[in-house]
Amino acid sequence: IGNKDYITHNATNMNLSQDNTNTAIIITSSWVPSHPSTRMIDKVIDSRKFLVGLPSSTPIFITVDGIPEENFDNFTDTQQKLKDLDGYTTALFHRHLKN
């Protein structure tokens, strides 16, 4: 059974109702300085088309972990990390949440 067929088969067997007004997608993410791309989140959001019975209007919530306090030792380094984190969240907003 192919991956797409497996997902469709399992979603069908889950007996998803047509009324999904209480359903939401929650994606947790953590910005990593060495890998600031939003590509993985893009792939997760694009994969929702494989969830049979999930309306395209299902709300998506993306959470972003902050920078741990123990990383605040160096003021200049912390400022740069906060700036980079802001860039990451701004990219997520423009890519997925603006519309």
N, C-alpha and C. Protein backbone atom coordinates (compact mmCIF):
# COMPACT_ATOMS: atom_id res chain seq x y z
N ILE A 1 0.86 -1.17 0.00
CA ILE A 1 0.00 0.00 0.00
C ILE A 1 0.91 1.23 0.00
N GLY A 2 0.69 2.18 -0.91
CA GLY A 2 1.49 3.40 -0.96
C GLY A 2 1.17 4.31 0.19
N ASN A 3 2.03 5.28 0.47
CA ASN A 3 1.85 6.20 1.59
C ASN A 3 0.52 6.94 1.48
N LYS A 4 0.22 7.46 0.28
CA LYS A 4 -1.02 8.22 0.10
C LYS A 4 -2.23 7.30 0.33
N ASP A 5 -2.18 6.07 -0.21
CA ASP A 5 -3.27 5.13 -0.03
C ASP A 5 -3.44 4.76 1.44
N TYR A 6 -2.33 4.62 2.15
CA TYR A 6 -2.36 4.28 3.57
C TYR A 6 -3.05 5.38 4.36
N ILE A 7 -2.67 6.64 4.09
CA ILE A 7 -3.27 7.77 4.80
C ILE A 7 -4.76 7.84 4.50
N THR A 8 -5.13 7.72 3.23
CA THR A 8 -6.54 7.78 2.84
C THR A 8 -7.32 6.64 3.48
N HIS A 9 -6.76 5.44 3.46
CA HIS A 9 -7.41 4.27 4.05
C HIS A 9 -7.65 4.48 5.54
N ASN A 10 -6.63 4.95 6.24
CA ASN A 10 -6.77 5.15 7.69
C ASN A 10 -7.74 6.27 8.01
N ALA A 11 -7.69 7.35 7.23
CA ALA A 11 -8.61 8.46 7.48
C ALA A 11 -10.05 8.01 7.25
N THR A 12 -10.27 7.19 6.24
CA THR A 12 -11.61 6.67 5.96
C THR A 12 -12.07 5.78 7.10
N ASN A 13 -11.19 4.94 7.61
CA ASN A 13 -11.55 4.04 8.71
C ASN A 13 -11.76 4.78 10.02
N MET A 14 -11.26 6.00 10.13
CA MET A 14 -11.46 6.77 11.35
C MET A 14 -12.88 7.33 11.42
N ASN A 15 -13.64 7.20 10.31
CA ASN A 15 -15.02 7.64 10.27
C ASN A 15 -15.16 9.11 10.64
N LEU A 16 -14.42 9.96 9.94
CA LEU A 16 -14.49 11.39 10.19
C LEU A 16 -15.87 11.91 9.81
N SER A 17 -16.47 12.69 10.65
CA SER A 17 -17.79 13.22 10.36
C SER A 17 -17.68 14.40 9.41
N GLN A 18 -18.77 14.76 8.79
CA GLN A 18 -18.80 15.90 7.88
C GLN A 18 -18.78 17.20 8.67
N ASP A 19 -19.18 17.18 9.92
CA ASP A 19 -19.19 18.38 10.74
C ASP A 19 -17.89 18.46 11.53
N ASN A 20 -16.92 19.15 10.99
CA ASN A 20 -15.61 19.27 11.64
C ASN A 20 -15.42 20.67 12.22
N THR A 21 -16.48 21.28 12.69
CA THR A 21 -16.38 22.65 13.20
C THR A 21 -15.55 22.74 14.47
N ASN A 22 -15.34 21.61 15.14
CA ASN A 22 -14.54 21.60 16.37
C ASN A 22 -13.12 21.12 16.13
N THR A 23 -12.69 21.10 14.87
CA THR A 23 -11.37 20.60 14.53
C THR A 23 -10.44 21.76 14.20
N ALA A 24 -9.22 21.65 14.65
CA ALA A 24 -8.18 22.63 14.31
C ALA A 24 -6.87 21.88 14.14
N ILE A 25 -5.97 22.49 13.41
CA ILE A 25 -4.62 21.95 13.23
C ILE A 25 -3.69 22.80 14.07
N ILE A 26 -2.89 22.16 14.91
CA ILE A 26 -1.91 22.87 15.74
C ILE A 26 -0.53 22.35 15.36
N ILE A 27 0.33 23.26 14.94
CA ILE A 27 1.69 22.90 14.55
C ILE A 27 2.64 23.60 15.52
N THR A 28 3.47 22.82 16.17
CA THR A 28 4.47 23.41 17.05
C THR A 28 5.79 23.50 16.30
N SER A 29 6.47 24.61 16.47
CA SER A 29 7.76 24.76 15.80
C SER A 29 8.75 25.42 16.75
N SER A 30 9.98 25.22 16.44
CA SER A 30 11.04 25.81 17.22
C SER A 30 12.10 26.34 16.27
N TRP A 31 12.34 27.61 16.32
CA TRP A 31 13.34 28.22 15.46
C TRP A 31 14.72 27.72 15.86
N VAL A 32 15.48 27.28 14.88
CA VAL A 32 16.84 26.80 15.11
C VAL A 32 17.78 27.67 14.30
N PRO A 33 18.74 28.31 14.94
CA PRO A 33 19.63 29.23 14.21
C PRO A 33 20.30 28.60 12.98
N SER A 34 20.63 27.32 13.08
CA SER A 34 21.33 26.68 11.97
C SER A 34 20.37 26.23 10.86
N HIS A 35 19.06 26.29 11.13
CA HIS A 35 18.08 25.86 10.13
C HIS A 35 16.82 26.71 10.25
N PRO A 36 16.88 27.97 9.80
CA PRO A 36 15.75 28.89 9.98
C PRO A 36 14.64 28.76 8.94
N SER A 37 14.72 27.77 8.07
CA SER A 37 13.74 27.61 6.99
C SER A 37 12.36 27.25 7.53
N THR A 38 11.33 27.68 6.81
CA THR A 38 9.96 27.30 7.15
C THR A 38 9.49 26.13 6.27
N ARG A 39 10.40 25.51 5.55
CA ARG A 39 10.05 24.46 4.59
C ARG A 39 9.29 23.28 5.22
N MET A 40 9.70 22.85 6.39
CA MET A 40 9.02 21.71 7.03
C MET A 40 7.58 22.07 7.39
N ILE A 41 7.35 23.27 7.85
CA ILE A 41 5.99 23.70 8.16
C ILE A 41 5.18 23.77 6.88
N ASP A 42 5.80 24.25 5.80
CA ASP A 42 5.13 24.28 4.49
C ASP A 42 4.66 22.88 4.11
N LYS A 43 5.53 21.89 4.30
CA LYS A 43 5.19 20.51 3.94
C LYS A 43 4.05 19.96 4.81
N VAL A 44 4.07 20.28 6.09
CA VAL A 44 3.00 19.81 6.97
C VAL A 44 1.67 20.41 6.55
N ILE A 45 1.66 21.70 6.28
CA ILE A 45 0.42 22.35 5.87
C ILE A 45 -0.06 21.81 4.52
N ASP A 46 0.85 21.59 3.60
CA ASP A 46 0.48 21.02 2.30
C ASP A 46 -0.04 19.60 2.43
N SER A 47 0.38 18.86 3.45
CA SER A 47 -0.04 17.46 3.60
C SER A 47 -1.49 17.32 4.07
N ARG A 48 -2.11 18.39 4.50
CA ARG A 48 -3.50 18.29 4.99
C ARG A 48 -4.46 17.85 3.89
N LYS A 49 -4.06 18.01 2.63
CA LYS A 49 -4.92 17.56 1.53
C LYS A 49 -5.13 16.05 1.54
N PHE A 50 -4.28 15.33 2.26
CA PHE A 50 -4.41 13.88 2.36
C PHE A 50 -5.36 13.46 3.47
N LEU A 51 -5.82 14.39 4.27
CA LEU A 51 -6.74 14.07 5.38
C LEU A 51 -8.17 14.14 4.88
N VAL A 52 -8.72 12.99 4.59
CA VAL A 52 -10.07 12.89 4.05
C VAL A 52 -11.07 13.42 5.06
N GLY A 53 -11.95 14.30 4.61
CA GLY A 53 -13.00 14.83 5.47
C GLY A 53 -12.62 16.10 6.21
N LEU A 54 -11.38 16.55 6.06
CA LEU A 54 -10.96 17.78 6.73
C LEU A 54 -11.23 18.97 5.82
N PRO A 55 -12.13 19.86 6.22
CA PRO A 55 -12.45 21.00 5.36
C PRO A 55 -11.23 21.92 5.16
N SER A 56 -11.16 22.54 4.00
CA SER A 56 -10.06 23.46 3.72
C SER A 56 -10.12 24.69 4.64
N SER A 57 -11.27 24.92 5.25
CA SER A 57 -11.43 26.07 6.15
C SER A 57 -10.99 25.77 7.58
N THR A 58 -10.48 24.56 7.83
CA THR A 58 -10.02 24.20 9.17
C THR A 58 -8.93 25.17 9.61
N PRO A 59 -9.10 25.79 10.77
CA PRO A 59 -8.09 26.75 11.22
C PRO A 59 -6.76 26.07 11.55
N ILE A 60 -5.69 26.80 11.28
CA ILE A 60 -4.34 26.31 11.56
C ILE A 60 -3.69 27.27 12.56
N PHE A 61 -3.17 26.71 13.63
CA PHE A 61 -2.45 27.48 14.63
C PHE A 61 -0.99 27.03 14.61
N ILE A 62 -0.09 27.98 14.49
CA ILE A 62 1.35 27.67 14.50
C ILE A 62 1.94 28.30 15.75
N THR A 63 2.55 27.48 16.58
CA THR A 63 3.22 28.00 17.77
C THR A 63 4.73 28.03 17.50
N VAL A 64 5.39 28.97 18.11
CA VAL A 64 6.84 29.09 17.95
C VAL A 64 7.46 29.20 19.34
N ASP A 65 8.37 28.26 19.63
CA ASP A 65 9.08 28.32 20.91
C ASP A 65 9.94 29.57 20.97
N GLY A 66 10.06 30.12 22.15
CA GLY A 66 10.94 31.26 22.35
C GLY A 66 12.37 30.80 22.57
N ILE A 67 13.22 31.74 22.88
CA ILE A 67 14.63 31.45 23.16
C ILE A 67 14.76 31.18 24.65
N PRO A 68 15.34 30.04 25.03
CA PRO A 68 15.49 29.72 26.46
C PRO A 68 16.31 30.79 27.19
N GLU A 69 15.93 31.06 28.42
CA GLU A 69 16.60 32.09 29.23
C GLU A 69 18.09 31.85 29.38
N GLU A 70 18.50 30.60 29.45
CA GLU A 70 19.93 30.31 29.64
C GLU A 70 20.77 30.77 28.45
N ASN A 71 20.12 31.08 27.33
CA ASN A 71 20.84 31.58 26.16
C ASN A 71 20.98 33.10 26.16
N PHE A 72 20.55 33.76 27.24
CA PHE A 72 20.60 35.22 27.31
C PHE A 72 21.88 35.75 27.96
N ASP A 73 22.93 34.94 28.00
CA ASP A 73 24.17 35.35 28.67
C ASP A 73 24.85 36.53 27.98
N ASN A 74 24.93 36.49 26.68
CA ASN A 74 25.62 37.52 25.92
C ASN A 74 24.59 38.45 25.30
N PHE A 75 24.60 39.73 25.71
CA PHE A 75 23.59 40.69 25.27
C PHE A 75 23.57 40.84 23.75
N THR A 76 24.73 41.00 23.12
CA THR A 76 24.79 41.18 21.67
C THR A 76 24.29 39.94 20.95
N ASP A 77 24.70 38.77 21.42
CA ASP A 77 24.26 37.51 20.83
C ASP A 77 22.75 37.35 20.98
N THR A 78 22.23 37.72 22.14
CA THR A 78 20.80 37.62 22.40
C THR A 78 20.02 38.54 21.47
N GLN A 79 20.51 39.75 21.27
CA GLN A 79 19.84 40.68 20.36
C GLN A 79 19.75 40.09 18.96
N GLN A 80 20.83 39.47 18.50
CA GLN A 80 20.83 38.88 17.16
C GLN A 80 19.87 37.69 17.09
N LYS A 81 19.83 36.87 18.13
CA LYS A 81 18.91 35.73 18.15
C LYS A 81 17.47 36.20 18.13
N LEU A 82 17.16 37.24 18.90
CA LEU A 82 15.81 37.78 18.91
C LEU A 82 15.43 38.36 17.54
N LYS A 83 16.38 39.01 16.90
CA LYS A 83 16.15 39.56 15.56
C LYS A 83 15.88 38.41 14.57
N ASP A 84 16.68 37.35 14.65
CA ASP A 84 16.50 36.21 13.76
C ASP A 84 15.17 35.49 14.02
N LEU A 85 14.80 35.36 15.31
CA LEU A 85 13.53 34.74 15.67
C LEU A 85 12.37 35.57 15.12
N ASP A 86 12.50 36.88 15.21
CA ASP A 86 11.47 37.76 14.66
C ASP A 86 11.36 37.56 13.14
N GLY A 87 12.48 37.41 12.47
CA GLY A 87 12.47 37.15 11.03
C GLY A 87 11.77 35.84 10.70
N TYR A 88 12.01 34.81 11.51
CA TYR A 88 11.37 33.51 11.32
C TYR A 88 9.85 33.62 11.48
N THR A 89 9.41 34.27 12.54
CA THR A 89 7.96 34.39 12.77
C THR A 89 7.31 35.28 11.71
N THR A 90 8.02 36.30 11.26
CA THR A 90 7.50 37.15 10.19
C THR A 90 7.35 36.35 8.90
N ALA A 91 8.33 35.51 8.60
CA ALA A 91 8.27 34.65 7.41
C ALA A 91 7.07 33.70 7.50
N LEU A 92 6.85 33.12 8.67
CA LEU A 92 5.68 32.25 8.86
C LEU A 92 4.38 33.02 8.63
N PHE A 93 4.31 34.21 9.18
CA PHE A 93 3.11 35.03 9.04
C PHE A 93 2.82 35.31 7.57
N HIS A 94 3.82 35.79 6.87
CA HIS A 94 3.60 36.15 5.46
C HIS A 94 3.33 34.93 4.59
N ARG A 95 3.89 33.81 4.96
CA ARG A 95 3.73 32.59 4.15
C ARG A 95 2.38 31.91 4.39
N HIS A 96 1.90 31.91 5.65
CA HIS A 96 0.74 31.09 5.97
C HIS A 96 -0.43 31.81 6.64
N LEU A 97 -0.19 32.90 7.30
CA LEU A 97 -1.26 33.48 8.12
C LEU A 97 -1.83 34.78 7.60
N LYS A 98 -1.18 35.37 6.63
CA LYS A 98 -1.61 36.68 6.16
C LYS A 98 -2.98 36.65 5.52
N ASN A 99 -3.26 35.60 4.76
CA ASN A 99 -4.55 35.56 4.03
C ASN A 99 -5.61 35.02 4.90
